[in-house]
Each structure stands twice: as C-alpha cells, then as structure tokens.
Amino acid sequence: FAGWADQMVGTNVEIAGQLNRAVRALEDAQQALEKALEKALEKALDMAGGPGDEDDHSHSHGHHGHGHHHHH
C-alpha cells in the first residue's frame, strides 16, 4: 500500500510539473499575443497617421510613445 501511495505522489508531482509547464507556456503565448496586438495597433495608428510616421517605429513602445508625432 505504501508503494501505491508513493506512485500516486510521484504521478501527482509529474502532473504538477506538466501543469506548471503548460501554465508557463500559456503565459508566454499570452505575452506574445499582447506584443503582436500592440505591434498591430501601432501599425494601424501609423497608417491612420499617414506618411511621415515610419521613423517613429524604432522608439514607440506600445501605448506610450505616440505623443511625439512631429507633424501637425
């Protein structure tokens, strides 16, 4: 019976490890998705802003950085 208990614990540890990896993978995927969405949003905003925005790409990160468009 003790062996069975050990086996259960071992299996649980394994499952916990797999769950941890899955959660971490999900978090990575979520971050990647957010970054992709931010990039897409920036592109859309730049398109809407018209020509002259291309040089803004390098130093605009997400939601901050859209304050400095030099054409008004």
PDB file of N, CA and C in Angstrom:
ATOM      1  N   PHE A   1       0.834  -1.199   0.000  1.00  0.00           N
ATOM      2  CA  PHE A   1       0.000   0.000   0.000  1.00  0.00           C
ATOM      3  C   PHE A   1       0.871   1.252   0.000  1.00  0.00           C
ATOM      4  N   ALA A   2       2.002   1.151   0.718  1.00  0.00           N
ATOM      5  CA  ALA A   2       2.930   2.283   0.756  1.00  0.00           C
ATOM      6  C   ALA A   2       3.449   2.579  -0.656  1.00  0.00           C
ATOM      7  N   GLY A   3       3.743   1.494  -1.395  1.00  0.00           N
ATOM      8  CA  GLY A   3       4.231   1.672  -2.762  1.00  0.00           C
ATOM      9  C   GLY A   3       3.211   2.382  -3.626  1.00  0.00           C
ATOM     10  N   TRP A   4       1.942   2.012  -3.434  1.00  0.00           N
ATOM     11  CA  TRP A   4       0.870   2.637  -4.209  1.00  0.00           C
ATOM     12  C   TRP A   4       0.807   4.136  -3.912  1.00  0.00           C
ATOM     13  N   ALA A   5       0.967   4.482  -2.621  1.00  0.00           N
ATOM     14  CA  ALA A   5       0.945   5.890  -2.212  1.00  0.00           C
ATOM     15  C   ALA A   5       2.106   6.640  -2.871  1.00  0.00           C
ATOM     16  N   ASP A   6       3.288   6.024  -2.854  1.00  0.00           N
ATOM     17  CA  ASP A   6       4.451   6.654  -3.486  1.00  0.00           C
ATOM     18  C   ASP A   6       4.190   6.900  -4.965  1.00  0.00           C
ATOM     19  N   GLN A   7       3.583   5.889  -5.590  1.00  0.00           N
ATOM     20  CA  GLN A   7       3.305   6.001  -7.012  1.00  0.00           C
ATOM     21  C   GLN A   7       2.350   7.174  -7.266  1.00  0.00           C
ATOM     22  N   MET A   8       1.330   7.291  -6.415  1.00  0.00           N
ATOM     23  CA  MET A   8       0.371   8.380  -6.548  1.00  0.00           C
ATOM     24  C   MET A   8       1.073   9.729  -6.415  1.00  0.00           C
ATOM     25  N   VAL A   9       1.925   9.835  -5.386  1.00  0.00           N
ATOM     26  CA  VAL A   9       2.646  11.091  -5.158  1.00  0.00           C
ATOM     27  C   VAL A   9       3.531  11.407  -6.358  1.00  0.00           C
ATOM     28  N   GLY A  10       4.241  10.385  -6.837  1.00  0.00           N
ATOM     29  CA  GLY A  10       5.105  10.583  -7.991  1.00  0.00           C
ATOM     30  C   GLY A  10       4.315  11.068  -9.191  1.00  0.00           C
ATOM     31  N   THR A  11       3.161  10.450  -9.424  1.00  0.00           N
ATOM     32  CA  THR A  11       2.318  10.840 -10.545  1.00  0.00           C
ATOM     33  C   THR A  11       1.834  12.274 -10.373  1.00  0.00           C
ATOM     34  N   ASN A  12       1.452  12.619  -9.148  1.00  0.00           N
ATOM     35  CA  ASN A  12       0.977  13.978  -8.878  1.00  0.00           C
ATOM     36  C   ASN A  12       2.067  15.006  -9.139  1.00  0.00           C
ATOM     37  N   VAL A  13       3.288  14.667  -8.709  1.00  0.00           N
ATOM     38  CA  VAL A  13       4.416  15.574  -8.942  1.00  0.00           C
ATOM     39  C   VAL A  13       4.612  15.762 -10.443  1.00  0.00           C
ATOM     40  N   GLU A  14       4.536  14.657 -11.176  1.00  0.00           N
ATOM     41  CA  GLU A  14       4.705  14.710 -12.627  1.00  0.00           C
ATOM     42  C   GLU A  14       3.624  15.596 -13.245  1.00  0.00           C
ATOM     43  N   ILE A  15       2.373  15.355 -12.818  1.00  0.00           N
ATOM     44  CA  ILE A  15       1.248  16.132 -13.335  1.00  0.00           C
ATOM     45  C   ILE A  15       1.428  17.609 -12.987  1.00  0.00           C
ATOM     46  N   ALA A  16       1.865  17.863 -11.752  1.00  0.00           N
ATOM     47  CA  ALA A  16       2.084  19.246 -11.327  1.00  0.00           C
ATOM     48  C   ALA A  16       3.133  19.910 -12.214  1.00  0.00           C
ATOM     49  N   GLY A  17       4.200  19.153 -12.519  1.00  0.00           N
ATOM     50  CA  GLY A  17       5.247  19.684 -13.382  1.00  0.00           C
ATOM     51  C   GLY A  17       4.715  20.008 -14.767  1.00  0.00           C
ATOM     52  N   GLN A  18       3.913  19.103 -15.299  1.00  0.00           N
ATOM     53  CA  GLN A  18       3.332  19.324 -16.622  1.00  0.00           C
ATOM     54  C   GLN A  18       2.393  20.524 -16.599  1.00  0.00           C
ATOM     55  N   LEU A  19       1.607  20.646 -15.530  1.00  0.00           N
ATOM     56  CA  LEU A  19       0.700  21.792 -15.392  1.00  0.00           C
ATOM     57  C   LEU A  19       1.499  23.088 -15.335  1.00  0.00           C
ATOM     58  N   ASN A  20       2.583  23.072 -14.547  1.00  0.00           N
ATOM     59  CA  ASN A  20       3.434  24.260 -14.455  1.00  0.00           C
ATOM     60  C   ASN A  20       3.955  24.657 -15.825  1.00  0.00           C
ATOM     61  N   ARG A  21       4.443  23.658 -16.580  1.00  0.00           N
ATOM     62  CA  ARG A  21       4.965  23.944 -17.915  1.00  0.00           C
ATOM     63  C   ARG A  21       3.864  24.490 -18.805  1.00  0.00           C
ATOM     64  N   ALA A  22       2.678  23.885 -18.701  1.00  0.00           N
ATOM     65  CA  ALA A  22       1.554  24.329 -19.526  1.00  0.00           C
ATOM     66  C   ALA A  22       1.180  25.768 -19.189  1.00  0.00           C
ATOM     67  N   VAL A  23       1.138  26.060 -17.891  1.00  0.00           N
ATOM     68  CA  VAL A  23       0.796  27.423 -17.455  1.00  0.00           C
ATOM     69  C   VAL A  23       1.835  28.408 -17.963  1.00  0.00           C
ATOM     70  N   ARG A  24       3.102  28.028 -17.843  1.00  0.00           N
ATOM     71  CA  ARG A  24       4.172  28.915 -18.294  1.00  0.00           C
ATOM     72  C   ARG A  24       4.066  29.141 -19.802  1.00  0.00           C
ATOM     73  N   ALA A  25       3.782  28.067 -20.529  1.00  0.00           N
ATOM     74  CA  ALA A  25       3.635  28.184 -21.979  1.00  0.00           C
ATOM     75  C   ALA A  25       2.466  29.102 -22.322  1.00  0.00           C
ATOM     76  N   LEU A  26       1.377  28.956 -21.575  1.00  0.00           N
ATOM     77  CA  LEU A  26       0.209  29.815 -21.791  1.00  0.00           C
ATOM     78  C   LEU A  26       0.561  31.271 -21.534  1.00  0.00           C
ATOM     79  N   GLU A  27       1.300  31.524 -20.454  1.00  0.00           N
ATOM     80  CA  GLU A  27       1.684  32.897 -20.125  1.00  0.00           C
ATOM     81  C   GLU A  27       2.570  33.474 -21.219  1.00  0.00           C
ATOM     82  N   ASP A  28       3.524  32.660 -21.704  1.00  0.00           N
ATOM     83  CA  ASP A  28       4.383  33.106 -22.801  1.00  0.00           C
ATOM     84  C   ASP A  28       3.548  33.443 -24.022  1.00  0.00           C
ATOM     85  N   ALA A  29       2.608  32.553 -24.335  1.00  0.00           N
ATOM     86  CA  ALA A  29       1.756  32.766 -25.504  1.00  0.00           C
ATOM     87  C   ALA A  29       0.945  34.042 -25.339  1.00  0.00           C
ATOM     88  N   GLN A  30       0.453  34.269 -24.128  1.00  0.00           N
ATOM     89  CA  GLN A  30      -0.350  35.463 -23.869  1.00  0.00           C
ATOM     90  C   GLN A  30       0.492  36.717 -24.067  1.00  0.00           C
ATOM     91  N   GLN A  31       1.727  36.693 -23.550  1.00  0.00           N
ATOM     92  CA  GLN A  31       2.616  37.842 -23.708  1.00  0.00           C
ATOM     93  C   GLN A  31       2.921  38.078 -25.178  1.00  0.00           C
ATOM     94  N   ALA A  32       3.190  36.993 -25.909  1.00  0.00           N
ATOM     95  CA  ALA A  32       3.482  37.115 -27.334  1.00  0.00           C
ATOM     96  C   ALA A  32       2.287  37.710 -28.066  1.00  0.00           C
ATOM     97  N   LEU A  33       1.093  37.253 -27.682  1.00  0.00           N
ATOM     98  CA  LEU A  33      -0.131  37.753 -28.308  1.00  0.00           C
ATOM     99  C   LEU A  33      -0.293  39.241 -28.029  1.00  0.00           C
ATOM    100  N   GLU A  34      -0.065  39.638 -26.774  1.00  0.00           N
ATOM    101  CA  GLU A  34      -0.188  41.050 -26.413  1.00  0.00           C
ATOM    102  C   GLU A  34       0.801  41.893 -27.206  1.00  0.00           C
ATOM    103  N   LYS A  35       2.051  41.406 -27.335  1.00  0.00           N
ATOM    104  CA  LYS A  35       3.059  42.137 -28.100  1.00  0.00           C
ATOM    105  C   LYS A  35       2.616  42.273 -29.544  1.00  0.00           C
ATOM    106  N   ALA A  36       2.098  41.165 -30.112  1.00  0.00           N
ATOM    107  CA  ALA A  36       1.647  41.181 -31.502  1.00  0.00           C
ATOM    108  C   ALA A  36       0.496  42.167 -31.681  1.00  0.00           C
ATOM    109  N   LEU A  37      -0.426  42.164 -30.727  1.00  0.00           N
ATOM    110  CA  LEU A  37      -1.558  43.092 -30.789  1.00  0.00           C
ATOM    111  C   LEU A  37      -1.070  44.530 -30.717  1.00  0.00           C
ATOM    112  N   GLU A  38      -0.109  44.788 -29.830  1.00  0.00           N
ATOM    113  CA  GLU A  38       0.432  46.133 -29.694  1.00  0.00           C
ATOM    114  C   GLU A  38       1.079  46.573 -30.997  1.00  0.00           C
ATOM    115  N   LYS A  39       1.869  45.657 -31.612  1.00  0.00           N
ATOM    116  CA  LYS A  39       2.525  45.980 -32.877  1.00  0.00           C
ATOM    117  C   LYS A  39       1.488  46.286 -33.944  1.00  0.00           C
ATOM    118  N   ALA A  40       0.444  45.447 -34.005  1.00  0.00           N
ATOM    119  CA  ALA A  40      -0.609  45.644 -34.999  1.00  0.00           C
ATOM    120  C   ALA A  40      -1.309  46.977 -34.768  1.00  0.00           C
ATOM    121  N   LEU A  41      -1.538  47.301 -33.503  1.00  0.00           N
ATOM    122  CA  LEU A  41      -2.190  48.561 -33.155  1.00  0.00           C
ATOM    123  C   LEU A  41      -1.319  49.735 -33.587  1.00  0.00           C
ATOM    124  N   GLU A  42      -0.016  49.628 -33.321  1.00  0.00           N
ATOM    125  CA  GLU A  42       0.911  50.680 -33.731  1.00  0.00           C
ATOM    126  C   GLU A  42       0.872  50.865 -35.237  1.00  0.00           C
ATOM    127  N   LYS A  43       0.920  49.737 -35.965  1.00  0.00           N
ATOM    128  CA  LYS A  43       0.881  49.810 -37.430  1.00  0.00           C
ATOM    129  C   LYS A  43      -0.384  50.513 -37.881  1.00  0.00           C
ATOM    130  N   ALA A  44      -1.513  50.127 -37.297  1.00  0.00           N
ATOM    131  CA  ALA A  44      -2.791  50.727 -37.678  1.00  0.00           C
ATOM    132  C   ALA A  44      -2.780  52.221 -37.383  1.00  0.00           C
ATOM    133  N   LEU A  45      -2.243  52.597 -36.229  1.00  0.00           N
ATOM    134  CA  LEU A  45      -2.183  54.012 -35.861  1.00  0.00           C
ATOM    135  C   LEU A  45      -1.259  54.763 -36.816  1.00  0.00           C
ATOM    136  N   ASP A  46      -0.138  54.140 -37.170  1.00  0.00           N
ATOM    137  CA  ASP A  46       0.791  54.777 -38.096  1.00  0.00           C
ATOM    138  C   ASP A  46       0.154  54.952 -39.466  1.00  0.00           C
ATOM    139  N   MET A  47      -0.582  53.930 -39.910  1.00  0.00           N
ATOM    140  CA  MET A  47      -1.279  54.028 -41.182  1.00  0.00           C
ATOM    141  C   MET A  47      -2.268  55.187 -41.135  1.00  0.00           C
ATOM    142  N   ALA A  48      -3.010  55.263 -40.038  1.00  0.00           N
ATOM    143  CA  ALA A  48      -4.001  56.321 -39.881  1.00  0.00           C
ATOM    144  C   ALA A  48      -3.316  57.684 -39.835  1.00  0.00           C
ATOM    145  N   GLY A  49      -2.099  57.705 -39.282  1.00  0.00           N
ATOM    146  CA  GLY A  49      -1.360  58.952 -39.157  1.00  0.00           C
ATOM    147  C   GLY A  49      -0.841  59.450 -40.493  1.00  0.00           C
ATOM    148  N   GLY A  50      -0.790  58.571 -41.464  1.00  0.00           N
ATOM    149  CA  GLY A  50      -0.338  58.971 -42.785  1.00  0.00           C
ATOM    150  C   GLY A  50       1.178  58.943 -42.892  1.00  0.00           C
ATOM    151  N   PRO A  51       1.718  59.458 -43.995  1.00  0.00           N
ATOM    152  CA  PRO A  51       3.165  59.430 -44.240  1.00  0.00           C
ATOM    153  C   PRO A  51       3.914  60.270 -43.207  1.00  0.00           C
ATOM    154  N   GLY A  52       5.185  59.923 -42.991  1.00  0.00           N
ATOM    155  CA  GLY A  52       5.989  60.669 -42.050  1.00  0.00           C
ATOM    156  C   GLY A  52       6.075  59.979 -40.703  1.00  0.00           C
ATOM    157  N   ASP A  53       5.373  58.868 -40.530  1.00  0.00           N
ATOM    158  CA  ASP A  53       5.392  58.158 -39.250  1.00  0.00           C
ATOM    159  C   ASP A  53       6.412  57.021 -39.232  1.00  0.00           C
ATOM    160  N   GLU A  54       6.969  56.701 -40.387  1.00  0.00           N
ATOM    161  CA  GLU A  54       7.778  55.490 -40.481  1.00  0.00           C
ATOM    162  C   GLU A  54       8.942  55.522 -39.499  1.00  0.00           C
ATOM    163  N   ASP A  55       9.546  56.702 -39.322  1.00  0.00           N
ATOM    164  CA  ASP A  55      10.726  56.758 -38.460  1.00  0.00           C
ATOM    165  C   ASP A  55      10.351  56.674 -36.983  1.00  0.00           C
ATOM    166  N   ASP A  56       9.064  56.619 -36.683  1.00  0.00           N
ATOM    167  CA  ASP A  56       8.620  56.512 -35.298  1.00  0.00           C
ATOM    168  C   ASP A  56       8.690  55.081 -34.775  1.00  0.00           C
ATOM    169  N   HIS A  57       8.779  54.112 -35.686  1.00  0.00           N
ATOM    170  CA  HIS A  57       8.670  52.712 -35.275  1.00  0.00           C
ATOM    171  C   HIS A  57       9.702  52.341 -34.216  1.00  0.00           C
ATOM    172  N   SER A  58      10.938  52.822 -34.396  1.00  0.00           N
ATOM    173  CA  SER A  58      12.017  52.346 -33.545  1.00  0.00           C
ATOM    174  C   SER A  58      11.786  52.697 -32.086  1.00  0.00           C
ATOM    175  N   HIS A  59      11.281  53.909 -31.801  1.00  0.00           N
ATOM    176  CA  HIS A  59      11.184  54.297 -30.397  1.00  0.00           C
ATOM    177  C   HIS A  59       9.755  54.490 -29.919  1.00  0.00           C
ATOM    178  N   SER A  60       8.828  53.713 -30.440  1.00  0.00           N
ATOM    179  CA  SER A  60       7.483  53.753 -29.875  1.00  0.00           C
ATOM    180  C   SER A  60       7.175  52.384 -29.309  1.00  0.00           C
ATOM    181  N   HIS A  61       6.949  52.317 -28.013  1.00  0.00           N
ATOM    182  CA  HIS A  61       6.683  51.034 -27.375  1.00  0.00           C
ATOM    183  C   HIS A  61       5.244  51.012 -26.897  1.00  0.00           C
ATOM    184  N   GLY A  62       4.427  50.235 -27.537  1.00  0.00           N
ATOM    185  CA  GLY A  62       3.061  50.044 -27.070  1.00  0.00           C
ATOM    186  C   GLY A  62       2.301  51.344 -27.015  1.00  0.00           C
ATOM    187  N   HIS A  63       1.763  51.644 -25.842  1.00  0.00           N
ATOM    188  CA  HIS A  63       0.830  52.750 -25.731  1.00  0.00           C
ATOM    189  C   HIS A  63       1.545  54.060 -25.450  1.00  0.00           C
ATOM    190  N   HIS A  64       2.746  54.004 -24.872  1.00  0.00           N
ATOM    191  CA  HIS A  64       3.495  55.231 -24.699  1.00  0.00           C
ATOM    192  C   HIS A  64       4.302  55.447 -25.966  1.00  0.00           C
ATOM    193  N   GLY A  65       4.654  56.687 -26.239  1.00  0.00           N
ATOM    194  CA  GLY A  65       5.488  56.933 -27.405  1.00  0.00           C
ATOM    195  C   GLY A  65       4.686  57.452 -28.563  1.00  0.00           C
ATOM    196  N   HIS A  66       3.368  57.492 -28.432  1.00  0.00           N
ATOM    197  CA  HIS A  66       2.570  58.038 -29.524  1.00  0.00           C
ATOM    198  C   HIS A  66       2.380  59.540 -29.356  1.00  0.00           C
ATOM    199  N   GLY A  67       2.942  60.097 -28.288  1.00  0.00           N
ATOM    200  CA  GLY A  67       2.834  61.531 -28.070  1.00  0.00           C
ATOM    201  C   GLY A  67       3.691  62.312 -29.046  1.00  0.00           C
ATOM    202  N   HIS A  68       4.807  61.726 -29.485  1.00  0.00           N
ATOM    203  CA  HIS A  68       5.718  62.506 -30.303  1.00  0.00           C
ATOM    204  C   HIS A  68       5.601  62.200 -31.787  1.00  0.00           C
ATOM    205  N   HIS A  69       4.526  62.611 -32.380  1.00  0.00           N
ATOM    206  CA  HIS A  69       4.438  62.628 -33.838  1.00  0.00           C
ATOM    207  C   HIS A  69       4.688  64.068 -34.242  1.00  0.00           C
ATOM    208  N   HIS A  70       5.676  64.290 -35.085  1.00  0.00           N
ATOM    209  CA  HIS A  70       6.160  65.650 -35.294  1.00  0.00           C
ATOM    210  C   HIS A  70       5.421  66.394 -36.394  1.00  0.00           C
ATOM    211  N   HIS A  71       4.295  65.854 -36.868  1.00  0.00           N
ATOM    212  CA  HIS A  71       3.591  66.562 -37.936  1.00  0.00           C
ATOM    213  C   HIS A  71       2.189  66.929 -37.480  1.00  0.00           C
ATOM    214  N   HIS A  72       1.916  68.218 -37.450  1.00  0.00           N
ATOM    215  CA  HIS A  72       0.559  68.636 -37.084  1.00  0.00           C
ATOM    216  C   HIS A  72       0.070  69.650 -38.092  1.00  0.00           C
TER     217      HIS A  72
END
